[in-house]
Amino acid sequence: MRFCQSGALCLSLILLLLVFPTSAKAETCFHACMGNRHLPSKVSDQTMRDAMQSCNRSCESEARSKLISEGFGPVLKACIPKRISDEELKKIRSASASVMAFSNVLTWDVKNVLSDKIIRRVELGTQTMSLEDVIVSSAGYLGPGQTGTFYIGNVAQGYPAVQLTTRIAAIYACDTH
């Protein structure tokens, strides 16, 4: 008995489950927002990217507002993000999910395990179609103990193994004190 009649449809469903997992562990603002979107069954990559970008903007604004309400407004105002140490990077990387690639977008669900830092930017290294190394980045607001999704849109189109070649290059954060 076949559950999927179309190979392309099966692949699309699998990718959606990977990009938008339903487990509570992965329920970031971004995933909740995307889960509440009512997209048509035949959605274009551009429509998907637009929805993802909209959710990213909304969640970034919400995260910033939350940090301000928790008293971090002056910290954010004075913040010039600095690259965290390799040891801190390893702690975050081991506590966080893998980078996901879908519709020419990279997302990374990051768990901030650093009790004294607000993560403001992540940089990912990947490759272009001509196998040149490039660094792409995403800015956001991720307070201590929080989990959030960093979104990078318009990744080089057509490279089939972009997820396999993507690596965490650097994380930039501000001290909370």
N, C-alpha and C. Protein backbone atom coordinates (compact mmCIF):
# COMPACT_ATOMS: atom_id res chain seq x y z
N MET A 1 0.84 -1.19 0.00
CA MET A 1 0.00 0.00 0.00
C MET A 1 0.88 1.24 0.00
N ARG A 2 0.63 2.16 -0.92
CA ARG A 2 1.41 3.40 -1.00
C ARG A 2 0.67 4.52 -0.30
N PHE A 3 1.40 5.29 0.53
CA PHE A 3 0.80 6.41 1.23
C PHE A 3 0.88 7.68 0.41
N CYS A 4 1.87 7.80 -0.43
CA CYS A 4 2.02 8.98 -1.28
C CYS A 4 2.01 8.53 -2.72
N GLN A 5 1.16 9.11 -3.52
CA GLN A 5 1.07 8.75 -4.93
C GLN A 5 2.11 9.49 -5.76
N SER A 6 2.51 10.67 -5.33
CA SER A 6 3.46 11.48 -6.08
C SER A 6 4.77 11.59 -5.31
N GLY A 7 5.87 11.26 -5.98
CA GLY A 7 7.18 11.36 -5.33
C GLY A 7 7.49 12.77 -4.90
N ALA A 8 7.13 13.75 -5.75
CA ALA A 8 7.40 15.15 -5.42
C ALA A 8 6.59 15.57 -4.19
N LEU A 9 5.33 15.11 -4.12
CA LEU A 9 4.49 15.45 -2.97
C LEU A 9 5.06 14.83 -1.70
N CYS A 10 5.50 13.59 -1.77
CA CYS A 10 6.09 12.93 -0.60
C CYS A 10 7.32 13.69 -0.13
N LEU A 11 8.18 14.05 -1.07
CA LEU A 11 9.39 14.80 -0.73
C LEU A 11 9.04 16.13 -0.08
N SER A 12 8.03 16.82 -0.63
CA SER A 12 7.61 18.11 -0.07
C SER A 12 7.10 17.94 1.36
N LEU A 13 6.32 16.91 1.60
CA LEU A 13 5.80 16.67 2.95
C LEU A 13 6.92 16.36 3.94
N ILE A 14 7.89 15.58 3.51
CA ILE A 14 9.01 15.25 4.38
C ILE A 14 9.81 16.51 4.70
N LEU A 15 10.08 17.34 3.68
CA LEU A 15 10.82 18.58 3.91
C LEU A 15 10.07 19.51 4.85
N LEU A 16 8.75 19.61 4.68
CA LEU A 16 7.97 20.47 5.57
C LEU A 16 8.05 19.98 7.01
N LEU A 17 8.01 18.67 7.21
CA LEU A 17 8.12 18.14 8.57
C LEU A 17 9.49 18.40 9.16
N LEU A 18 10.53 18.36 8.32
CA LEU A 18 11.87 18.65 8.81
C LEU A 18 12.04 20.12 9.14
N VAL A 19 11.52 20.99 8.29
CA VAL A 19 11.68 22.43 8.49
C VAL A 19 10.77 22.93 9.59
N PHE A 20 9.57 22.40 9.67
CA PHE A 20 8.60 22.85 10.65
C PHE A 20 8.17 21.71 11.56
N PRO A 21 9.09 21.24 12.41
CA PRO A 21 8.75 20.12 13.29
C PRO A 21 7.64 20.50 14.26
N THR A 22 6.91 19.48 14.70
CA THR A 22 5.76 19.75 15.56
C THR A 22 6.04 19.45 17.02
N SER A 23 7.21 18.96 17.34
CA SER A 23 7.51 18.64 18.73
C SER A 23 7.61 19.91 19.56
N ALA A 24 7.32 19.80 20.84
CA ALA A 24 7.37 20.96 21.73
C ALA A 24 8.79 21.50 21.81
N LYS A 25 9.79 20.64 21.69
CA LYS A 25 11.18 21.04 21.75
C LYS A 25 11.49 22.10 20.69
N ALA A 26 10.90 21.98 19.52
CA ALA A 26 11.23 22.87 18.42
C ALA A 26 10.21 23.99 18.26
N GLU A 27 9.32 24.18 19.20
CA GLU A 27 8.26 25.16 19.06
C GLU A 27 8.77 26.56 19.40
N THR A 28 9.52 27.13 18.49
CA THR A 28 9.95 28.51 18.64
C THR A 28 8.83 29.41 18.12
N CYS A 29 8.96 30.69 18.33
CA CYS A 29 7.99 31.65 17.80
C CYS A 29 7.86 31.47 16.29
N PHE A 30 8.99 31.29 15.61
CA PHE A 30 8.99 31.13 14.16
C PHE A 30 8.18 29.91 13.75
N HIS A 31 8.40 28.78 14.41
CA HIS A 31 7.68 27.56 14.05
C HIS A 31 6.19 27.68 14.38
N ALA A 32 5.88 28.32 15.50
CA ALA A 32 4.48 28.52 15.85
C ALA A 32 3.79 29.41 14.81
N CYS A 33 4.49 30.47 14.40
CA CYS A 33 3.95 31.37 13.39
C CYS A 33 3.70 30.63 12.07
N MET A 34 4.70 29.87 11.62
CA MET A 34 4.54 29.14 10.37
C MET A 34 3.44 28.08 10.48
N GLY A 35 3.31 27.47 11.66
CA GLY A 35 2.27 26.47 11.87
C GLY A 35 0.87 27.07 11.81
N ASN A 36 0.76 28.37 12.12
CA ASN A 36 -0.55 29.03 12.08
C ASN A 36 -0.88 29.62 10.72
N ARG A 37 0.06 29.57 9.79
CA ARG A 37 -0.19 30.08 8.44
C ARG A 37 -1.06 29.08 7.68
N HIS A 38 -1.98 29.58 6.94
CA HIS A 38 -2.84 28.73 6.12
C HIS A 38 -2.44 28.92 4.66
N LEU A 39 -1.40 28.20 4.28
CA LEU A 39 -0.88 28.31 2.93
C LEU A 39 -1.58 27.28 2.04
N PRO A 40 -1.74 27.60 0.76
CA PRO A 40 -2.39 26.65 -0.14
C PRO A 40 -1.54 25.39 -0.30
N SER A 41 -2.17 24.29 -0.70
CA SER A 41 -1.43 23.03 -0.84
C SER A 41 -0.37 23.11 -1.94
N LYS A 42 -0.62 23.90 -2.95
CA LYS A 42 0.38 24.11 -4.01
C LYS A 42 0.97 25.50 -3.82
N VAL A 43 1.93 25.59 -2.94
CA VAL A 43 2.53 26.87 -2.60
C VAL A 43 3.86 27.02 -3.35
N SER A 44 4.11 28.19 -3.87
CA SER A 44 5.38 28.44 -4.57
C SER A 44 6.48 28.68 -3.55
N ASP A 45 7.71 28.49 -3.99
CA ASP A 45 8.85 28.77 -3.12
C ASP A 45 8.83 30.23 -2.65
N GLN A 46 8.47 31.14 -3.55
CA GLN A 46 8.47 32.56 -3.19
C GLN A 46 7.41 32.85 -2.14
N THR A 47 6.24 32.25 -2.27
CA THR A 47 5.19 32.43 -1.26
C THR A 47 5.65 31.89 0.09
N MET A 48 6.34 30.74 0.06
CA MET A 48 6.86 30.15 1.30
C MET A 48 7.91 31.07 1.91
N ARG A 49 8.82 31.59 1.09
CA ARG A 49 9.85 32.50 1.61
C ARG A 49 9.23 33.77 2.18
N ASP A 50 8.21 34.31 1.51
CA ASP A 50 7.53 35.51 2.01
C ASP A 50 6.90 35.24 3.37
N ALA A 51 6.26 34.08 3.52
CA ALA A 51 5.65 33.72 4.81
C ALA A 51 6.72 33.57 5.89
N MET A 52 7.82 32.93 5.52
CA MET A 52 8.91 32.74 6.48
C MET A 52 9.52 34.08 6.90
N GLN A 53 9.70 34.96 5.93
CA GLN A 53 10.27 36.28 6.23
C GLN A 53 9.33 37.09 7.13
N SER A 54 8.05 37.01 6.85
CA SER A 54 7.06 37.71 7.68
C SER A 54 7.08 37.19 9.11
N CYS A 55 7.12 35.87 9.27
CA CYS A 55 7.19 35.29 10.61
C CYS A 55 8.48 35.70 11.31
N ASN A 56 9.58 35.71 10.58
CA ASN A 56 10.86 36.11 11.17
C ASN A 56 10.78 37.54 11.69
N ARG A 57 10.25 38.46 10.88
CA ARG A 57 10.15 39.87 11.32
C ARG A 57 9.29 39.99 12.57
N SER A 58 8.15 39.31 12.55
CA SER A 58 7.23 39.37 13.69
C SER A 58 7.89 38.81 14.95
N CYS A 59 8.56 37.69 14.84
CA CYS A 59 9.18 37.06 16.00
C CYS A 59 10.37 37.87 16.51
N GLU A 60 11.12 38.48 15.61
CA GLU A 60 12.24 39.33 16.02
C GLU A 60 11.74 40.52 16.83
N SER A 61 10.65 41.12 16.38
CA SER A 61 10.06 42.25 17.09
C SER A 61 9.56 41.81 18.47
N GLU A 62 8.91 40.66 18.50
CA GLU A 62 8.40 40.12 19.76
C GLU A 62 9.54 39.82 20.74
N ALA A 63 10.63 39.24 20.23
CA ALA A 63 11.78 38.90 21.09
C ALA A 63 12.42 40.17 21.66
N ARG A 64 12.55 41.20 20.83
CA ARG A 64 13.12 42.47 21.29
C ARG A 64 12.24 43.09 22.37
N SER A 65 10.95 43.11 22.13
CA SER A 65 10.01 43.67 23.12
C SER A 65 10.08 42.91 24.44
N LYS A 66 10.21 41.59 24.36
CA LYS A 66 10.29 40.78 25.58
C LYS A 66 11.55 41.13 26.37
N LEU A 67 12.68 41.25 25.68
CA LEU A 67 13.92 41.60 26.37
C LEU A 67 13.83 42.99 27.02
N ILE A 68 13.21 43.93 26.33
CA ILE A 68 13.03 45.27 26.90
C ILE A 68 12.15 45.20 28.14
N SER A 69 11.07 44.42 28.07
CA SER A 69 10.17 44.30 29.22
C SER A 69 10.85 43.61 30.40
N GLU A 70 11.89 42.82 30.13
CA GLU A 70 12.64 42.15 31.19
C GLU A 70 13.77 43.03 31.74
N GLY A 71 13.84 44.29 31.27
CA GLY A 71 14.83 45.23 31.78
C GLY A 71 16.12 45.31 31.00
N PHE A 72 16.18 44.68 29.84
CA PHE A 72 17.41 44.68 29.03
C PHE A 72 17.46 45.82 28.01
N GLY A 73 16.53 46.77 28.07
CA GLY A 73 16.52 47.88 27.13
C GLY A 73 17.84 48.64 27.07
N PRO A 74 18.39 49.08 28.23
CA PRO A 74 19.67 49.79 28.20
C PRO A 74 20.82 48.93 27.65
N VAL A 75 20.79 47.62 27.93
CA VAL A 75 21.83 46.72 27.41
C VAL A 75 21.75 46.67 25.89
N LEU A 76 20.53 46.54 25.36
CA LEU A 76 20.36 46.48 23.90
C LEU A 76 20.79 47.79 23.24
N LYS A 77 20.46 48.90 23.89
CA LYS A 77 20.78 50.21 23.33
C LYS A 77 22.30 50.42 23.23
N ALA A 78 23.03 49.94 24.23
CA ALA A 78 24.47 50.13 24.27
C ALA A 78 25.24 48.98 23.61
N CYS A 79 24.52 47.99 23.15
CA CYS A 79 25.14 46.75 22.68
C CYS A 79 25.89 46.91 21.36
N ILE A 80 27.14 46.52 21.39
CA ILE A 80 27.92 46.31 20.17
C ILE A 80 28.32 44.84 20.24
N PRO A 81 27.62 43.98 19.47
CA PRO A 81 27.86 42.54 19.59
C PRO A 81 29.33 42.17 19.35
N LYS A 82 29.81 41.27 20.20
CA LYS A 82 31.19 40.77 20.08
C LYS A 82 31.13 39.27 19.84
N ARG A 83 32.10 38.79 19.09
CA ARG A 83 32.18 37.36 18.79
C ARG A 83 32.41 36.59 20.09
N ILE A 84 31.63 35.53 20.30
CA ILE A 84 31.80 34.73 21.51
C ILE A 84 32.98 33.77 21.31
N SER A 85 33.44 33.22 22.42
CA SER A 85 34.60 32.32 22.37
C SER A 85 34.23 30.99 21.71
N ASP A 86 35.26 30.27 21.28
CA ASP A 86 35.03 28.95 20.68
C ASP A 86 34.36 28.00 21.67
N GLU A 87 34.73 28.11 22.94
CA GLU A 87 34.13 27.26 23.97
C GLU A 87 32.63 27.55 24.10
N GLU A 88 32.26 28.83 24.12
CA GLU A 88 30.85 29.21 24.21
C GLU A 88 30.10 28.76 22.95
N LEU A 89 30.73 28.92 21.80
CA LEU A 89 30.12 28.49 20.54
C LEU A 89 29.82 27.00 20.57
N LYS A 90 30.74 26.21 21.06
CA LYS A 90 30.54 24.75 21.14
C LYS A 90 29.38 24.41 22.06
N LYS A 91 29.24 25.15 23.17
CA LYS A 91 28.13 24.90 24.10
C LYS A 91 26.78 25.16 23.41
N ILE A 92 26.70 26.27 22.70
CA ILE A 92 25.45 26.61 22.00
C ILE A 92 25.18 25.62 20.89
N ARG A 93 26.19 25.32 20.12
CA ARG A 93 26.02 24.39 18.99
C ARG A 93 25.55 23.03 19.47
N SER A 94 26.10 22.53 20.56
CA SER A 94 25.70 21.21 21.05
C SER A 94 24.30 21.21 21.66
N ALA A 95 23.83 22.36 22.12
CA ALA A 95 22.49 22.45 22.71
C ALA A 95 21.41 22.76 21.66
N SER A 96 21.83 23.08 20.44
CA SER A 96 20.90 23.55 19.41
C SER A 96 20.71 22.50 18.32
N ALA A 97 19.61 22.67 17.59
CA ALA A 97 19.30 21.77 16.47
C ALA A 97 20.24 22.05 15.30
N SER A 98 20.16 21.24 14.29
CA SER A 98 20.96 21.43 13.08
C SER A 98 20.36 22.53 12.21
N VAL A 99 21.18 23.10 11.36
CA VAL A 99 20.71 24.09 10.39
C VAL A 99 19.84 23.37 9.37
N MET A 100 18.72 23.99 9.00
CA MET A 100 17.81 23.42 8.00
C MET A 100 17.82 24.30 6.76
N ALA A 101 17.71 23.66 5.61
CA ALA A 101 17.63 24.37 4.32
C ALA A 101 16.32 23.99 3.64
N PHE A 102 15.60 25.01 3.15
CA PHE A 102 14.33 24.76 2.47
C PHE A 102 13.96 26.02 1.68
N SER A 103 13.56 25.86 0.45
CA SER A 103 13.13 26.98 -0.40
C SER A 103 14.15 28.12 -0.44
N ASN A 104 15.41 27.76 -0.57
CA ASN A 104 16.50 28.74 -0.64
C ASN A 104 16.59 29.60 0.62
N VAL A 105 16.27 28.99 1.74
CA VAL A 105 16.32 29.64 3.05
C VAL A 105 17.05 28.71 4.01
N LEU A 106 17.86 29.29 4.88
CA LEU A 106 18.46 28.54 5.98
C LEU A 106 17.81 29.00 7.28
N THR A 107 17.46 28.07 8.14
CA THR A 107 16.98 28.42 9.48
C THR A 107 17.80 27.61 10.48
N TRP A 108 18.04 28.23 11.62
CA TRP A 108 18.76 27.54 12.68
C TRP A 108 18.06 27.83 14.00
N ASP A 109 17.55 26.78 14.64
CA ASP A 109 16.93 26.90 15.96
C ASP A 109 18.05 26.87 17.00
N VAL A 110 18.24 28.00 17.66
CA VAL A 110 19.36 28.18 18.59
C VAL A 110 18.84 28.22 20.01
N LYS A 111 19.48 27.46 20.88
CA LYS A 111 19.21 27.53 22.32
C LYS A 111 20.36 28.28 22.96
N ASN A 112 20.04 29.42 23.57
CA ASN A 112 21.06 30.23 24.22
C ASN A 112 21.31 29.68 25.63
N VAL A 113 22.37 28.92 25.78
CA VAL A 113 22.72 28.34 27.08
C VAL A 113 23.68 29.23 27.87
N LEU A 114 23.98 30.40 27.33
CA LEU A 114 24.87 31.33 28.03
C LEU A 114 24.05 32.23 28.94
N SER A 115 24.28 32.15 30.22
CA SER A 115 23.45 32.87 31.20
C SER A 115 23.72 34.37 31.24
N ASP A 116 24.81 34.81 30.63
CA ASP A 116 25.18 36.23 30.73
C ASP A 116 25.27 36.93 29.38
N LYS A 117 24.65 36.33 28.34
CA LYS A 117 24.76 36.93 27.01
C LYS A 117 23.42 36.93 26.27
N ILE A 118 23.23 37.98 25.46
CA ILE A 118 22.09 38.07 24.54
C ILE A 118 22.68 37.87 23.14
N ILE A 119 22.25 36.81 22.47
CA ILE A 119 22.75 36.55 21.12
C ILE A 119 22.09 37.53 20.16
N ARG A 120 22.91 38.18 19.35
CA ARG A 120 22.41 39.19 18.41
C ARG A 120 22.62 38.81 16.94
N ARG A 121 23.60 37.94 16.67
CA ARG A 121 23.85 37.59 15.27
C ARG A 121 24.53 36.23 15.18
N VAL A 122 24.16 35.49 14.15
CA VAL A 122 24.85 34.24 13.84
C VAL A 122 25.38 34.32 12.41
N GLU A 123 26.50 33.68 12.19
CA GLU A 123 27.08 33.60 10.86
C GLU A 123 27.25 32.14 10.50
N LEU A 124 26.81 31.80 9.30
CA LEU A 124 26.93 30.44 8.80
C LEU A 124 27.81 30.44 7.57
N GLY A 125 28.66 29.45 7.48
CA GLY A 125 29.49 29.29 6.30
C GLY A 125 28.85 28.25 5.40
N THR A 126 28.81 28.51 4.11
CA THR A 126 28.25 27.57 3.15
C THR A 126 28.99 27.73 1.83
N GLN A 127 28.49 27.10 0.78
CA GLN A 127 29.15 27.20 -0.52
C GLN A 127 28.17 27.63 -1.60
N THR A 128 28.71 28.30 -2.62
CA THR A 128 27.91 28.69 -3.78
C THR A 128 27.88 27.52 -4.77
N MET A 129 27.14 27.69 -5.86
CA MET A 129 27.08 26.67 -6.90
C MET A 129 28.46 26.40 -7.50
N SER A 130 29.33 27.39 -7.48
CA SER A 130 30.68 27.19 -8.01
C SER A 130 31.66 26.76 -6.91
N LEU A 131 31.09 26.28 -5.80
CA LEU A 131 31.85 25.73 -4.67
C LEU A 131 32.78 26.73 -4.00
N GLU A 132 32.41 28.00 -4.05
CA GLU A 132 33.15 29.02 -3.33
C GLU A 132 32.54 29.17 -1.94
N ASP A 133 33.41 29.30 -0.92
CA ASP A 133 32.93 29.49 0.44
C ASP A 133 32.38 30.90 0.61
N VAL A 134 31.25 31.01 1.29
CA VAL A 134 30.64 32.30 1.60
C VAL A 134 30.14 32.26 3.04
N ILE A 135 30.05 33.44 3.64
CA ILE A 135 29.48 33.58 4.98
C ILE A 135 28.16 34.33 4.85
N VAL A 136 27.10 33.78 5.41
CA VAL A 136 25.80 34.44 5.44
C VAL A 136 25.45 34.66 6.90
N SER A 137 24.70 35.73 7.18
CA SER A 137 24.41 36.03 8.59
C SER A 137 22.96 36.39 8.80
N SER A 138 22.57 36.33 10.06
CA SER A 138 21.22 36.68 10.47
C SER A 138 21.30 37.37 11.82
N ALA A 139 20.58 38.47 11.95
CA ALA A 139 20.52 39.19 13.22
C ALA A 139 19.22 38.85 13.93
N GLY A 140 19.23 38.96 15.23
CA GLY A 140 18.03 38.68 16.01
C GLY A 140 18.26 39.03 17.47
N TYR A 141 17.35 38.59 18.30
CA TYR A 141 17.40 38.84 19.74
C TYR A 141 17.10 37.54 20.45
N LEU A 142 18.09 37.01 21.16
CA LEU A 142 17.89 35.75 21.88
C LEU A 142 18.52 35.85 23.25
N GLY A 143 17.67 36.01 24.25
CA GLY A 143 18.13 36.18 25.62
C GLY A 143 18.59 34.89 26.26
N PRO A 144 19.21 35.00 27.42
CA PRO A 144 19.70 33.82 28.14
C PRO A 144 18.57 32.82 28.41
N GLY A 145 18.84 31.55 28.14
CA GLY A 145 17.86 30.50 28.39
C GLY A 145 16.77 30.38 27.34
N GLN A 146 16.75 31.25 26.36
CA GLN A 146 15.70 31.22 25.34
C GLN A 146 16.13 30.41 24.13
N THR A 147 15.13 29.95 23.38
CA THR A 147 15.36 29.27 22.11
C THR A 147 14.64 30.05 21.03
N GLY A 148 15.32 30.31 19.95
CA GLY A 148 14.73 31.06 18.85
C GLY A 148 15.31 30.62 17.52
N THR A 149 14.65 31.05 16.45
CA THR A 149 15.06 30.66 15.11
C THR A 149 15.72 31.83 14.41
N PHE A 150 16.92 31.60 13.90
CA PHE A 150 17.59 32.59 13.06
C PHE A 150 17.32 32.21 11.61
N TYR A 151 16.90 33.20 10.83
CA TYR A 151 16.45 32.99 9.45
C TYR A 151 17.40 33.70 8.48
N ILE A 152 17.83 32.99 7.45
CA ILE A 152 18.67 33.58 6.40
C ILE A 152 18.01 33.27 5.06
N GLY A 153 17.52 34.31 4.40
CA GLY A 153 16.83 34.12 3.13
C GLY A 153 17.75 34.28 1.94
N ASN A 154 17.24 33.89 0.79
CA ASN A 154 17.92 34.05 -0.51
C ASN A 154 19.29 33.41 -0.55
N VAL A 155 19.38 32.19 -0.07
CA VAL A 155 20.61 31.42 -0.18
C VAL A 155 20.74 30.98 -1.64
N ALA A 156 21.97 30.85 -2.11
CA ALA A 156 22.22 30.51 -3.52
C ALA A 156 21.26 29.44 -4.03
N GLN A 157 20.58 29.74 -5.10
CA GLN A 157 19.55 28.87 -5.65
C GLN A 157 20.15 27.66 -6.36
N GLY A 158 19.55 26.53 -6.14
CA GLY A 158 19.86 25.35 -6.91
C GLY A 158 20.92 24.43 -6.35
N TYR A 159 21.62 24.81 -5.30
CA TYR A 159 22.68 23.95 -4.79
C TYR A 159 22.05 22.85 -3.93
N PRO A 160 22.08 21.60 -4.38
CA PRO A 160 21.32 20.54 -3.71
C PRO A 160 21.83 20.15 -2.33
N ALA A 161 23.11 20.29 -2.05
CA ALA A 161 23.65 19.84 -0.77
C ALA A 161 23.99 21.00 0.16
N VAL A 162 23.32 22.14 0.00
CA VAL A 162 23.65 23.31 0.81
C VAL A 162 23.56 23.01 2.30
N GLN A 163 22.59 22.20 2.69
CA GLN A 163 22.46 21.89 4.11
C GLN A 163 23.65 21.08 4.61
N LEU A 164 24.20 20.23 3.77
CA LEU A 164 25.32 19.39 4.17
C LEU A 164 26.62 20.18 4.29
N THR A 165 26.74 21.26 3.54
CA THR A 165 27.98 22.03 3.57
C THR A 165 27.90 23.22 4.52
N THR A 166 26.75 23.47 5.10
CA THR A 166 26.58 24.61 5.98
C THR A 166 27.14 24.31 7.36
N ARG A 167 27.88 25.27 7.90
CA ARG A 167 28.46 25.10 9.23
C ARG A 167 28.33 26.42 10.00
N ILE A 168 28.38 26.31 11.30
CA ILE A 168 28.29 27.49 12.15
C ILE A 168 29.67 28.16 12.13
N ALA A 169 29.73 29.40 11.66
CA ALA A 169 31.01 30.10 11.57
C ALA A 169 31.28 30.94 12.81
N ALA A 170 30.27 31.65 13.29
CA ALA A 170 30.48 32.53 14.45
C ALA A 170 29.13 32.94 15.04
N ILE A 171 29.15 33.31 16.29
CA ILE A 171 27.99 33.88 16.98
C ILE A 171 28.47 35.16 17.66
N TYR A 172 27.65 36.20 17.56
CA TYR A 172 27.97 37.48 18.18
C TYR A 172 26.90 37.77 19.24
N ALA A 173 27.35 38.25 20.39
CA ALA A 173 26.44 38.48 21.52
C ALA A 173 26.88 39.69 22.33
N CYS A 174 25.96 40.13 23.17
CA CYS A 174 26.22 41.23 24.09
C CYS A 174 26.12 40.71 25.52
N ASP A 175 26.98 41.23 26.40
CA ASP A 175 26.88 40.86 27.81
C ASP A 175 25.62 41.45 28.41
N THR A 176 25.02 40.74 29.34
CA THR A 176 23.78 41.20 29.97
C THR A 176 24.02 42.18 31.11
N HIS A 177 25.26 42.39 31.47
CA HIS A 177 25.56 43.30 32.60
C HIS A 177 26.46 44.43 32.15
